[in-house]
Every structure is written in structure tokens, then in C-alpha cells.
Amino acid sequence: MISRLPVTIVRACLREGRGGSPTAVLDETPLSDAERRRVPVLAGTSHAVFVAGRGSAVSLRFFTAEGELPACGHGTVAALAFLAERAGGTEYRGTLRAAGRGFAGWAVREDAFFRAAFTSGPVELREPAAAECGLVLPALGVTPETLAPGARVASVGRARLLVPVTTRAALTALDPDFGQLGPVCDRLGFLGCYVYSVEAGSGRIAARMFAPSIGVPEDIANANSTACLAADLADRGVTAITVDMGDSLGAPATITASARGASGVRLGGAAEVVGVDVVRLS
């Protein structure tokens, strides 16, 4: 039985060198799924990424305390920084594989940080049903006065609800009822809810991601939901976005995304390899 695991902590999707989402990254090792779920808890992170393989072809698996995810955007940014640090030099390029899909990823060293990017898979979008909004919005605390037009159900592996609100102040003021939101998301098959505000003339978007169904009441940085938003906005003529997250948690994070047509969305973020910790499974 493995009792001690070396875990690399990476802060993914930094904003100007600050904040980011602490993520546990480690080499693939024989563990049960139950043990994998314990790794992020013991490491003090929301997510853990298991990396199989070396060189330019690797496979990734993502876990939270509640189970495995088919994809994780900020986890992929963290994994790319981990791979670049391990490879040495100033640049890493490779083919990554997760949930049966291969995709390109790369990371370039910039002083103490890495600038990482990868291409998400195709994004599926649809209008939400009135019943879906009727269940989710009250649990989120979004009212008819603060709801903006353009809610979407979006999926890049798992479905989530994209919810636009009228102002950044309305976004900041949200205080979801997680005891209600979690069961509602489970019932509807949603990973969670990505609430965002577009500030007129600022060129930036603010967002918050609530995902109690996967054991993450609020995510510091959620790149895959940002990819979903980028795909939705591309249909309205906006081809590149910069999204700020994590401010409500005291961990500012920034994700960039640009639509690439049928191939998906290019996601990017800065990451710092903080160091290696050891978690004890027994």
C-alpha cells in the first residue's frame, strides 16, 4: 500500500503573478478512485491532476473530493506548468489526452512563471428550459432584476449553466444557497453554474463558478466554463475574452480564451510551480 505521495503544488491561472488556483499535480501511481479523491483534500487543493507518461505524450486524470472529472481547464494549465518545469528549458509542447480525447498543449517560461495554453474540445450550447432556470436561479440568488439576457446550457464534457447578470456588483453580491443548489444541479445533471458580468467598455469579464455537486462550492478559476462562454460569445461576434475570477475568495485569477471554430477554444493562463509536498494516505 502506498502511504506517502509526493505532490507538486501549482498555482494555476495567476493574475499578474498573484493568486491563482492551488492545484495538486502528481505522476500517475496505482491508487483506487477513493484514494485519488483523498489527494486534493490532503493537499489542501480543490483539484488533483494525475499525469501518466513522460515527454511530449501524456495522459491526464482529474479528481475532486467527490470524484473524477472528464476535463479540468485550470488543472490542464497546472499540468502543463508541471511538465514544463520537469522538462527544463524554456518551452514545453506536447499532446495531452483526457477522457479519450487528444489535444495540443504548450507552456513557455516567463521568469518565475509559465504561460500555458491548450485547445479545448468542441463546445455544445443550447437554450435552457424555463424549468431549469426556475430551479437554479433562486438557489443562486439571481433575481429577475439582476438577470441579463443570454443564459445558456453549455458542455465541454459535462453540462453547466452560464448565467449573465447585469453588473459586477450584482455578481459580487451573490450568496448562493448551496444546500439547495447542489441537489438542483444533481437533479438537472449540471456540473455547476458559471455566473458572469460583462462590463461595458472595459474589455474584461468577471465570473464566479459555483459547483457544489463536485465538492467545490466556489471555484477559484474555471477554464472549461470560460471556454463555454467564449464559444457562446463567438456566435455573437466576440472572438476573444479575458475573464477575472477568484476575487470573492481572495485569490485573484485570470483566464484568456479565444474561439477556434469547430476545433474548440484556445484557453490560456499563467502558472507557478510552488513546490513539492508529501501527502499521507494512511
Protein backbone atom coordinates (compact mmCIF):
# COMPACT_ATOMS: atom_id res chain seq x y z
CA MET A 1 0.00 0.00 0.00
CA ILE A 2 1.24 3.49 -0.88
CA SER A 3 1.20 5.67 2.22
CA ARG A 4 3.27 8.71 1.17
CA LEU A 5 2.85 10.54 -2.13
CA PRO A 6 4.99 13.42 -3.42
CA VAL A 7 2.63 16.09 -4.76
CA THR A 8 3.62 19.19 -6.71
CA ILE A 9 1.53 22.26 -5.90
CA VAL A 10 0.92 24.59 -8.84
CA ARG A 11 -0.94 27.88 -8.67
CA ALA A 12 -2.86 27.98 -11.95
CA CYS A 13 -4.33 30.98 -13.77
CA LEU A 14 -2.50 33.70 -11.86
CA ARG A 15 -3.39 37.34 -12.26
CA GLU A 16 -0.25 39.46 -12.68
CA GLY A 17 1.71 36.95 -10.61
CA ARG A 18 -0.79 36.84 -7.74
CA GLY A 19 -3.49 34.47 -6.56
CA GLY A 20 -4.40 31.58 -8.83
CA SER A 21 -5.95 28.23 -8.01
CA PRO A 22 -3.68 25.88 -6.00
CA THR A 23 -3.74 22.51 -7.74
CA ALA A 24 -2.12 19.20 -6.78
CA VAL A 25 -0.22 17.59 -9.67
CA LEU A 26 1.45 14.19 -9.40
CA ASP A 27 2.69 11.32 -11.50
CA GLU A 28 0.25 8.50 -12.15
CA THR A 29 0.51 5.83 -9.48
CA PRO A 30 -1.58 2.74 -8.59
CA LEU A 31 -4.40 4.14 -6.46
CA SER A 32 -8.07 3.39 -6.08
CA ASP A 33 -10.52 6.11 -7.04
CA ALA A 34 -11.31 6.57 -3.35
CA GLU A 35 -7.63 7.24 -2.66
CA ARG A 36 -7.44 9.65 -5.59
CA ARG A 37 -10.37 11.60 -4.16
CA ARG A 38 -8.46 12.00 -0.91
CA VAL A 39 -5.41 13.57 -2.56
CA PRO A 40 -6.85 17.08 -3.11
CA VAL A 41 -8.30 17.06 0.39
CA LEU A 42 -4.97 16.14 1.97
CA ALA A 43 -3.07 18.56 -0.27
CA GLY A 44 -5.41 21.43 0.59
CA THR A 45 -6.49 21.97 -3.00
CA SER A 46 -9.81 21.76 -4.83
CA HIS A 47 -8.47 19.50 -7.61
CA ALA A 48 -5.76 16.93 -8.22
CA VAL A 49 -4.26 16.02 -11.60
CA PHE A 50 -2.64 12.64 -12.24
CA VAL A 51 -0.09 12.66 -15.10
CA ALA A 52 0.74 9.42 -16.92
CA GLY A 53 3.69 9.27 -19.29
CA ARG A 54 6.75 11.37 -19.98
CA GLY A 55 8.00 13.55 -22.78
CA SER A 56 5.60 15.01 -25.32
CA ALA A 57 2.75 12.49 -24.98
CA VAL A 58 0.95 12.24 -21.65
CA SER A 59 -2.48 11.39 -20.27
CA LEU A 60 -4.31 13.31 -17.56
CA ARG A 61 -6.93 12.36 -14.99
CA PHE A 62 -8.68 14.92 -12.79
CA PHE A 63 -10.22 14.39 -9.36
CA THR A 64 -12.02 16.42 -6.72
CA ALA A 65 -13.13 15.16 -3.33
CA GLU A 66 -16.39 13.98 -4.95
CA GLY A 67 -14.94 12.00 -7.85
CA GLU A 68 -13.36 12.07 -11.29
CA LEU A 69 -13.95 14.82 -13.85
CA PRO A 70 -13.73 14.21 -17.62
CA ALA A 71 -11.89 17.51 -18.06
CA CYS A 72 -10.48 20.36 -15.99
CA GLY A 73 -9.18 23.52 -17.63
CA HIS A 74 -7.17 25.06 -14.80
CA GLY A 75 -5.93 21.55 -13.96
CA THR A 76 -4.61 21.27 -17.50
CA VAL A 77 -2.82 24.62 -17.15
CA ALA A 78 -1.28 23.32 -13.90
CA ALA A 79 -0.24 20.06 -15.57
CA LEU A 80 1.44 21.93 -18.43
CA ALA A 81 3.45 24.03 -15.97
CA PHE A 82 4.42 20.83 -14.11
CA LEU A 83 5.54 19.19 -17.37
CA ALA A 84 7.49 22.26 -18.46
CA GLU A 85 9.26 22.52 -15.10
CA ARG A 86 10.18 18.83 -15.23
CA ALA A 87 11.42 19.06 -18.83
CA GLY A 88 13.70 22.03 -18.12
CA GLY A 89 14.47 24.62 -20.76
CA THR A 90 12.18 27.47 -21.69
CA GLU A 91 9.35 25.74 -23.55
CA TYR A 92 7.30 22.55 -23.47
CA ARG A 93 5.00 21.30 -26.22
CA GLY A 94 3.08 18.07 -26.17
CA THR A 95 -0.02 16.10 -26.97
CA LEU A 96 -2.25 15.60 -23.95
CA ARG A 97 -5.01 13.04 -23.57
CA ALA A 98 -8.00 13.14 -21.25
CA ALA A 99 -11.37 11.39 -21.39
CA GLY A 100 -10.42 9.73 -24.67
CA ARG A 101 -9.57 12.99 -26.46
CA GLY A 102 -6.14 14.12 -27.63
CA PHE A 103 -5.29 17.81 -27.81
CA ALA A 104 -2.27 20.10 -28.10
CA GLY A 105 -0.81 21.93 -25.12
CA TRP A 106 2.24 24.08 -24.52
CA ALA A 107 3.93 26.17 -21.83
CA VAL A 108 6.61 28.86 -22.07
CA ARG A 109 8.70 30.05 -19.14
CA GLU A 110 8.38 33.74 -18.26
CA ASP A 111 10.76 34.47 -15.38
CA ALA A 112 9.36 32.61 -12.35
CA PHE A 113 6.12 31.64 -14.10
CA PHE A 114 4.88 29.65 -17.06
CA ARG A 115 2.45 30.89 -19.67
CA ALA A 116 0.41 27.81 -20.62
CA ALA A 117 -2.27 27.20 -23.24
CA PHE A 118 -4.22 24.35 -24.77
CA THR A 119 -7.14 23.73 -27.09
CA SER A 120 -10.41 22.61 -25.56
CA GLY A 121 -12.77 20.27 -27.31
CA PRO A 122 -15.90 21.41 -29.15
CA VAL A 123 -18.47 23.21 -27.02
CA GLU A 124 -22.15 22.27 -27.12
CA LEU A 125 -24.64 25.08 -26.44
CA ARG A 126 -28.40 25.21 -26.04
CA GLU A 127 -31.10 27.42 -24.60
CA PRO A 128 -32.06 26.44 -21.06
CA ALA A 129 -35.58 25.30 -20.40
CA ALA A 130 -37.74 27.60 -18.31
CA ALA A 131 -37.99 24.86 -15.67
CA GLU A 132 -34.18 24.66 -15.45
CA CYS A 133 -33.84 28.40 -14.83
CA GLY A 134 -36.79 28.28 -12.46
CA LEU A 135 -34.97 25.80 -10.26
CA VAL A 136 -31.41 27.13 -10.50
CA LEU A 137 -31.76 30.92 -10.35
CA PRO A 138 -33.45 31.12 -6.93
CA ALA A 139 -30.79 28.80 -5.48
CA LEU A 140 -28.11 31.07 -6.92
CA GLY A 141 -29.80 34.20 -5.61
CA VAL A 142 -30.17 35.68 -9.11
CA THR A 143 -33.37 37.74 -9.35
CA PRO A 144 -35.28 38.94 -12.44
CA GLU A 145 -33.80 42.40 -11.77
CA THR A 146 -30.19 41.16 -11.85
CA LEU A 147 -30.53 38.56 -14.62
CA ALA A 148 -29.27 39.70 -18.02
CA PRO A 149 -30.35 38.12 -21.34
CA GLY A 150 -28.42 35.18 -22.77
CA ALA A 151 -28.42 32.26 -20.31
CA ARG A 152 -27.12 29.05 -21.90
CA VAL A 153 -26.61 25.41 -21.03
CA ALA A 154 -23.07 24.61 -22.22
CA SER A 155 -20.96 21.48 -22.24
CA VAL A 156 -17.35 20.62 -22.88
CA GLY A 157 -17.51 17.21 -21.25
CA ARG A 158 -20.23 17.98 -18.68
CA ALA A 159 -23.13 20.42 -18.79
CA ARG A 160 -23.22 23.61 -16.78
CA LEU A 161 -25.46 26.69 -16.78
CA LEU A 162 -24.00 30.01 -17.95
CA VAL A 163 -25.84 32.86 -16.21
CA PRO A 164 -25.24 36.51 -17.19
CA VAL A 165 -26.00 39.21 -14.62
CA THR A 166 -26.40 42.92 -15.15
CA THR A 167 -23.44 44.30 -13.19
CA ARG A 168 -20.24 43.30 -11.43
CA ALA A 169 -21.82 44.50 -8.19
CA ALA A 170 -24.67 42.01 -8.66
CA LEU A 171 -22.10 39.27 -9.27
CA THR A 172 -20.11 40.19 -6.17
CA ALA A 173 -23.25 40.24 -4.01
CA LEU A 174 -24.31 36.67 -4.88
CA ASP A 175 -24.64 34.37 -1.87
CA PRO A 176 -25.98 31.05 -3.17
CA ASP A 177 -27.89 28.59 -1.03
CA PHE A 178 -25.55 25.62 -1.53
CA GLY A 179 -27.88 23.27 0.33
CA GLN A 180 -30.42 23.97 -2.40
CA LEU A 181 -28.07 24.48 -5.36
CA GLY A 182 -26.24 21.17 -5.02
CA PRO A 183 -29.38 18.96 -5.19
CA VAL A 184 -30.82 21.10 -8.01
CA CYS A 185 -27.64 20.71 -10.10
CA ASP A 186 -27.61 16.98 -9.39
CA ARG A 187 -31.24 16.69 -10.48
CA LEU A 188 -30.59 18.57 -13.74
CA GLY A 189 -27.25 16.90 -14.47
CA PHE A 190 -25.30 20.16 -14.21
CA LEU A 191 -21.70 20.28 -13.03
CA GLY A 192 -22.49 23.73 -11.69
CA CYS A 193 -23.31 27.32 -12.58
CA TYR A 194 -20.99 29.91 -14.12
CA VAL A 195 -22.28 33.42 -13.40
CA TYR A 196 -20.68 36.31 -15.25
CA SER A 197 -20.88 40.03 -15.89
CA VAL A 198 -19.62 41.89 -18.95
CA GLU A 199 -18.51 45.39 -18.03
CA ALA A 200 -19.32 47.76 -20.89
CA GLY A 201 -16.20 49.33 -22.37
CA SER A 202 -13.78 47.53 -20.02
CA GLY A 203 -12.80 44.69 -22.33
CA ARG A 204 -12.91 42.26 -19.40
CA ILE A 205 -15.42 39.88 -17.92
CA ALA A 206 -15.87 38.94 -14.26
CA ALA A 207 -17.17 35.48 -13.37
CA ARG A 208 -17.87 33.15 -10.46
CA MET A 209 -18.27 29.38 -10.73
CA PHE A 210 -20.39 27.51 -8.19
CA ALA A 211 -20.06 23.71 -8.31
CA PRO A 212 -21.20 22.10 -5.04
CA SER A 213 -22.09 18.89 -6.89
CA ILE A 214 -18.37 18.14 -7.38
CA GLY A 215 -17.39 19.25 -3.88
CA VAL A 216 -16.31 22.77 -4.89
CA PRO A 217 -18.83 25.32 -3.59
CA GLU A 218 -16.96 28.07 -5.45
CA ASP A 219 -14.06 27.52 -7.83
CA ILE A 220 -11.17 30.00 -7.89
CA ALA A 221 -10.64 29.50 -11.63
CA ASN A 222 -12.76 27.50 -14.04
CA ALA A 223 -11.23 27.47 -17.50
CA ASN A 224 -13.61 25.00 -19.14
CA SER A 225 -16.61 27.15 -18.26
CA THR A 226 -14.69 30.10 -19.67
CA ALA A 227 -14.27 28.09 -22.88
CA CYS A 228 -18.03 27.58 -22.95
CA LEU A 229 -18.60 31.32 -22.56
CA ALA A 230 -16.04 32.09 -25.27
CA ALA A 231 -17.84 29.76 -27.68
CA ASP A 232 -21.18 31.35 -26.86
CA LEU A 233 -19.89 34.91 -27.29
CA ALA A 234 -18.12 33.97 -30.54
CA ASP A 235 -21.56 33.29 -32.00
CA ARG A 236 -22.34 36.93 -31.13
CA GLY A 237 -19.19 38.33 -32.74
CA VAL A 238 -16.79 38.35 -29.75
CA THR A 239 -13.84 36.09 -30.60
CA ALA A 240 -11.51 36.61 -27.60
CA ILE A 241 -12.16 37.24 -23.91
CA THR A 242 -10.26 37.80 -20.68
CA VAL A 243 -12.06 36.63 -17.55
CA ASP A 244 -11.28 37.52 -13.93
CA MET A 245 -12.31 35.07 -11.22
CA GLY A 246 -11.46 34.30 -7.60
CA ASP A 247 -11.79 37.82 -6.16
CA SER A 248 -14.57 36.80 -3.78
CA LEU A 249 -12.22 34.12 -2.40
CA GLY A 250 -9.20 36.40 -2.03
CA ALA A 251 -7.35 34.55 -4.80
CA PRO A 252 -7.44 36.65 -7.99
CA ALA A 253 -7.27 34.55 -11.14
CA THR A 254 -7.37 35.34 -14.85
CA ILE A 255 -8.12 33.12 -17.83
CA THR A 256 -7.90 34.01 -21.51
CA ALA A 257 -9.95 32.32 -24.20
CA SER A 258 -10.30 32.66 -27.96
CA ALA A 259 -12.68 30.77 -30.23
CA ARG A 260 -11.11 28.47 -32.85
CA GLY A 261 -14.17 27.38 -34.79
CA ALA A 262 -15.01 23.68 -34.91
CA SER A 263 -11.75 22.71 -33.16
CA GLY A 264 -12.84 24.33 -29.91
CA VAL A 265 -11.42 27.18 -27.85
CA ARG A 266 -7.84 28.09 -27.03
CA LEU A 267 -7.53 28.56 -23.27
CA GLY A 268 -4.57 30.14 -21.54
CA GLY A 269 -3.27 31.18 -18.15
CA ALA A 270 -0.13 31.82 -16.15
CA ALA A 271 1.03 29.30 -13.57
CA GLU A 272 3.68 28.98 -10.88
CA VAL A 273 5.16 25.73 -9.63
CA VAL A 274 5.22 26.39 -5.90
CA GLY A 275 6.99 23.26 -4.66
CA VAL A 276 6.61 19.63 -3.64
CA ASP A 277 4.62 18.45 -0.64
CA VAL A 278 4.03 14.95 0.70
CA VAL A 279 0.54 13.67 1.46
CA ARG A 280 -0.07 10.65 3.68
CA LEU A 281 -2.86 8.33 2.61
CA SER A 282 -2.62 6.22 5.75
